[in-house]
């Protein structure tokens, strides 16, 4: 059996005025094997642009396992 990467998506949770419990922003079609540092840095950039606070990022990888 062989494992093959299909896609990765990131979901960022931001907290700010009007959305104190958090609001999610989704980004599909990430490159394979994106680093934690790059994901966190992008969250910080989003926070700078929006004025919100970056809370967390959830990374979802889709793989297929087949012969």
Protein backbone atom coordinates (compact mmCIF):
# COMPACT_ATOMS: atom_id res chain seq x y z
CA UNK A 1 0.00 0.00 0.00
CA UNK A 2 1.19 3.48 -0.84
CA UNK A 3 0.19 6.72 0.89
CA UNK A 4 -0.20 9.73 -1.42
CA UNK A 5 -0.89 13.33 -0.39
CA UNK A 6 -3.99 14.86 -2.03
CA UNK A 7 -4.49 18.26 -0.38
CA UNK A 8 -4.10 20.32 2.79
CA UNK A 9 -6.37 23.00 4.22
CA UNK A 10 -5.91 25.44 7.10
CA UNK A 11 -8.63 26.90 9.30
CA UNK A 12 -7.62 29.97 11.32
CA UNK A 13 -9.57 31.09 14.39
CA UNK A 14 -9.45 34.81 15.11
CA UNK A 15 -10.88 36.65 18.14
CA UNK A 16 -11.91 40.30 18.14
CA UNK A 17 -14.67 42.82 18.69
CA UNK A 18 -18.00 41.37 17.64
CA UNK A 19 -16.70 37.80 17.61
CA UNK A 20 -15.31 37.19 21.10
CA UNK A 21 -15.87 33.42 20.81
CA UNK A 22 -13.89 33.34 17.57
CA UNK A 23 -14.47 33.42 13.85
CA UNK A 24 -12.91 30.94 11.41
CA UNK A 25 -11.23 31.76 8.14
CA UNK A 26 -10.56 28.81 5.85
CA UNK A 27 -7.74 28.52 3.34
CA UNK A 28 -7.82 25.51 0.99
CA UNK A 29 -5.17 24.26 -1.41
CA UNK A 30 -2.04 24.58 0.72
CA UNK A 31 1.23 23.12 -0.51
CA UNK A 32 2.34 19.72 0.74
CA UNK A 33 4.32 19.58 3.99
CA UNK A 34 3.79 23.21 4.98
CA UNK A 35 5.76 24.00 8.14
CA UNK A 36 4.28 24.96 11.51
CA UNK A 37 6.34 28.15 11.46
CA UNK A 38 4.80 29.26 8.17
CA UNK A 39 1.26 28.50 9.37
CA UNK A 40 1.81 30.49 12.57
CA UNK A 41 3.46 33.38 10.71
CA UNK A 42 0.48 33.59 8.34
CA UNK A 43 -1.85 33.71 11.36
CA UNK A 44 0.18 36.60 12.74
CA UNK A 45 -0.07 38.40 9.38
CA UNK A 46 -3.86 37.91 9.41
CA UNK A 47 -3.97 39.36 12.92
CA UNK A 48 -1.93 42.40 11.85
CA UNK A 49 -4.19 43.04 8.86
CA UNK A 50 -7.49 42.51 10.67
CA UNK A 51 -6.71 43.95 14.09
CA UNK A 52 -7.98 40.69 15.63
CA UNK A 53 -6.06 38.22 17.79
CA UNK A 54 -4.80 35.00 16.25
CA UNK A 55 -5.99 32.14 18.51
CA UNK A 56 -5.19 28.92 16.62
CA UNK A 57 -4.82 27.19 13.27
CA UNK A 58 -6.17 23.75 12.42
CA UNK A 59 -4.39 21.88 9.62
CA UNK A 60 -6.23 19.13 7.76
CA UNK A 61 -4.36 16.83 5.39
CA UNK A 62 -6.11 14.54 2.93
CA UNK A 63 -4.23 11.44 1.83
CA UNK A 64 -5.14 8.35 -0.13
CA UNK A 65 -3.81 4.90 0.70
CA UNK A 66 -3.99 2.48 -2.21
CA UNK A 67 -2.01 -0.09 -4.09
